[in-house]
């Protein structure tokens, strides 16, 4: 004959406590979370910050329709890395690279039909290299050369 063990009150409590401890261990205080900063009059989010611990690392802004307007990373409160902006239709409007708040790297904007509008680059906030300008139909209409000087 096989004896069956019935959980006693103490055994059931220990199992429940172990479950709670396991769940508590899953809530990592350094895990990313989002916090709504401002809302539109209808209650939809307008600006949302991504946080890890007490540090803001991402900023999202939404059009009143709820469509994403811009998204990018922050470093010490300044734009850092690639920032993307969008028309209310959801089509890309711009893609700009930043280094600690200063435009640095590639720069692109788009017409609302998705065709490129401007393509260029920055070096620490200064336009450098070739900048190309396009019509809404995608035709190249102007090119500028920017030379970085040591002055």
Protein backbone atom coordinates (compact mmCIF):
# COMPACT_ATOMS: atom_id res chain seq x y z
CA UNK A 1 0.00 0.00 0.00
CA UNK A 2 1.30 3.44 -0.98
CA UNK A 3 0.89 6.15 1.58
CA UNK A 4 -0.24 9.49 0.30
CA UNK A 5 1.12 12.61 1.89
CA UNK A 6 -1.30 15.39 2.47
CA UNK A 7 0.11 18.88 2.67
CA UNK A 8 -0.17 20.25 6.15
CA UNK A 9 -0.83 23.90 6.79
CA UNK A 10 2.89 24.47 7.29
CA UNK A 11 3.82 22.69 4.02
CA UNK A 12 1.23 24.64 2.04
CA UNK A 13 2.45 27.89 3.60
CA UNK A 14 6.08 27.06 2.69
CA UNK A 15 5.07 26.32 -0.91
CA UNK A 16 3.13 29.59 -1.11
CA UNK A 17 6.07 31.55 0.39
CA UNK A 18 8.47 29.94 -2.11
CA UNK A 19 6.14 30.95 -4.96
CA UNK A 20 6.01 34.55 -3.74
CA UNK A 21 9.79 34.70 -3.37
CA UNK A 22 10.17 33.35 -6.91
CA UNK A 23 7.80 36.01 -8.28
CA UNK A 24 9.57 38.76 -6.34
CA UNK A 25 12.90 37.68 -7.81
CA UNK A 26 11.41 38.15 -11.31
CA UNK A 27 10.71 41.87 -10.76
CA UNK A 28 14.11 43.27 -11.56
CA UNK A 29 14.43 46.92 -10.45
CA UNK A 30 16.78 47.50 -13.40
CA UNK A 31 14.29 46.11 -15.93
CA UNK A 32 13.10 48.73 -18.43
CA UNK A 33 9.70 50.28 -17.82
CA UNK A 34 7.68 53.09 -19.39
CA UNK A 35 6.23 56.15 -17.73
CA UNK A 36 3.66 58.45 -19.36
CA UNK A 37 4.76 62.09 -18.87
CA UNK A 38 1.96 63.95 -20.64
CA UNK A 39 -1.29 62.98 -22.33
CA UNK A 40 -3.55 64.39 -25.02
CA UNK A 41 -7.00 65.72 -23.92
CA UNK A 42 -8.56 62.33 -24.76
CA UNK A 43 -6.17 60.60 -22.34
CA UNK A 44 -3.90 59.00 -24.95
CA UNK A 45 -0.16 59.26 -24.24
CA UNK A 46 1.65 62.25 -25.72
CA UNK A 47 5.16 61.80 -24.27
CA UNK A 48 6.38 58.52 -22.79
CA UNK A 49 9.77 57.99 -21.21
CA UNK A 50 11.52 54.65 -21.09
CA UNK A 51 13.31 54.20 -17.78
CA UNK A 52 15.81 51.77 -16.32
CA UNK A 53 16.17 52.23 -12.58
CA UNK A 54 16.00 56.05 -12.26
CA UNK A 55 17.64 56.78 -15.62
CA UNK A 56 15.68 57.90 -18.68
CA UNK A 57 17.04 56.08 -21.71
CA UNK A 58 14.34 56.53 -24.35
CA UNK A 59 11.77 59.17 -25.30
CA UNK A 60 8.67 58.47 -27.36
CA UNK A 61 6.30 61.17 -28.56
CA UNK A 62 2.92 60.49 -30.15
CA UNK A 63 0.64 62.42 -32.50
CA UNK A 64 -2.82 63.17 -31.11
CA UNK A 65 -4.13 60.26 -33.24
CA UNK A 66 -1.93 57.84 -31.28
CA UNK A 67 0.53 57.36 -34.14
CA UNK A 68 4.21 57.47 -33.14
CA UNK A 69 5.70 60.93 -33.82
CA UNK A 70 9.31 60.49 -32.68
CA UNK A 71 11.50 57.99 -30.90
CA UNK A 72 15.07 58.12 -29.71
CA UNK A 73 17.55 57.44 -26.96
CA UNK A 74 18.66 59.85 -24.28
CA UNK A 75 21.99 60.06 -22.51
CA UNK A 76 22.07 62.34 -19.47
CA UNK A 77 18.87 63.98 -20.75
CA UNK A 78 20.29 64.78 -24.23
CA UNK A 79 19.47 63.17 -27.56
CA UNK A 80 21.93 60.41 -28.31
CA UNK A 81 22.09 57.87 -31.11
CA UNK A 82 19.61 57.71 -33.98
CA UNK A 83 16.34 59.60 -33.60
CA UNK A 84 13.43 58.79 -35.91
CA UNK A 85 10.44 61.06 -36.55
CA UNK A 86 7.25 60.22 -38.39
CA UNK A 87 4.41 61.95 -40.20
CA UNK A 88 0.93 61.44 -38.75
CA UNK A 89 0.39 58.89 -41.51
CA UNK A 90 3.18 56.75 -40.05
CA UNK A 91 5.56 57.44 -42.93
CA UNK A 92 9.12 58.41 -41.92
CA UNK A 93 9.81 62.15 -41.67
CA UNK A 94 13.43 62.18 -40.48
CA UNK A 95 16.31 60.09 -39.22
CA UNK A 96 19.03 62.07 -37.45
CA UNK A 97 22.08 60.88 -35.51
CA UNK A 98 23.11 62.62 -32.29
CA UNK A 99 26.06 62.48 -29.92
CA UNK A 100 25.20 63.85 -26.47
CA UNK A 101 22.67 66.35 -27.82
CA UNK A 102 24.64 67.47 -30.87
CA UNK A 103 23.84 66.42 -34.43
CA UNK A 104 26.65 64.06 -35.41
CA UNK A 105 26.52 61.55 -38.23
CA UNK A 106 23.88 60.90 -40.87
CA UNK A 107 20.94 63.22 -41.47
CA UNK A 108 17.93 62.28 -43.61
CA UNK A 109 14.50 63.75 -44.13
CA UNK A 110 11.67 62.46 -46.28
CA UNK A 111 8.72 63.88 -48.16
CA UNK A 112 5.33 62.67 -46.91
CA UNK A 113 5.18 60.23 -49.84
CA UNK A 114 8.32 58.43 -48.59
CA UNK A 115 10.71 59.90 -51.17
CA UNK A 116 13.96 61.36 -49.77
CA UNK A 117 13.98 65.13 -49.24
CA UNK A 118 17.45 65.86 -47.78
CA UNK A 119 20.47 63.63 -47.21
CA UNK A 120 23.65 64.80 -45.52
CA UNK A 121 25.85 64.48 -42.46
CA UNK A 122 26.99 66.44 -39.43
CA UNK A 123 30.28 66.47 -37.55
CA UNK A 124 29.67 67.78 -34.00
CA UNK A 125 26.83 70.07 -35.11
CA UNK A 126 28.49 71.29 -38.34
CA UNK A 127 27.28 70.27 -41.80
CA UNK A 128 29.97 68.26 -43.59
CA UNK A 129 30.38 66.49 -46.90
CA UNK A 130 27.78 66.30 -49.62
CA UNK A 131 24.23 67.40 -48.94
CA UNK A 132 21.64 66.33 -51.49
CA UNK A 133 18.17 67.81 -51.93
CA UNK A 134 15.36 65.98 -53.72
CA UNK A 135 11.95 66.87 -55.16
CA UNK A 136 8.84 65.07 -53.88
CA UNK A 137 9.12 62.91 -57.00
CA UNK A 138 12.60 61.76 -55.92
CA UNK A 139 14.57 63.82 -58.46
CA UNK A 140 17.86 65.33 -57.33
CA UNK A 141 17.40 69.12 -57.44
CA UNK A 142 20.48 70.46 -55.63
CA UNK A 143 23.82 69.34 -54.19
CA UNK A 144 25.98 71.30 -51.73
CA UNK A 145 29.51 70.51 -50.60
CA UNK A 146 30.42 71.40 -47.04
CA UNK A 147 34.03 71.40 -45.99
CA UNK A 148 34.94 71.10 -42.32
CA UNK A 149 37.66 73.57 -41.42
CA UNK A 150 39.93 73.62 -38.38
CA UNK A 151 39.22 77.28 -37.63
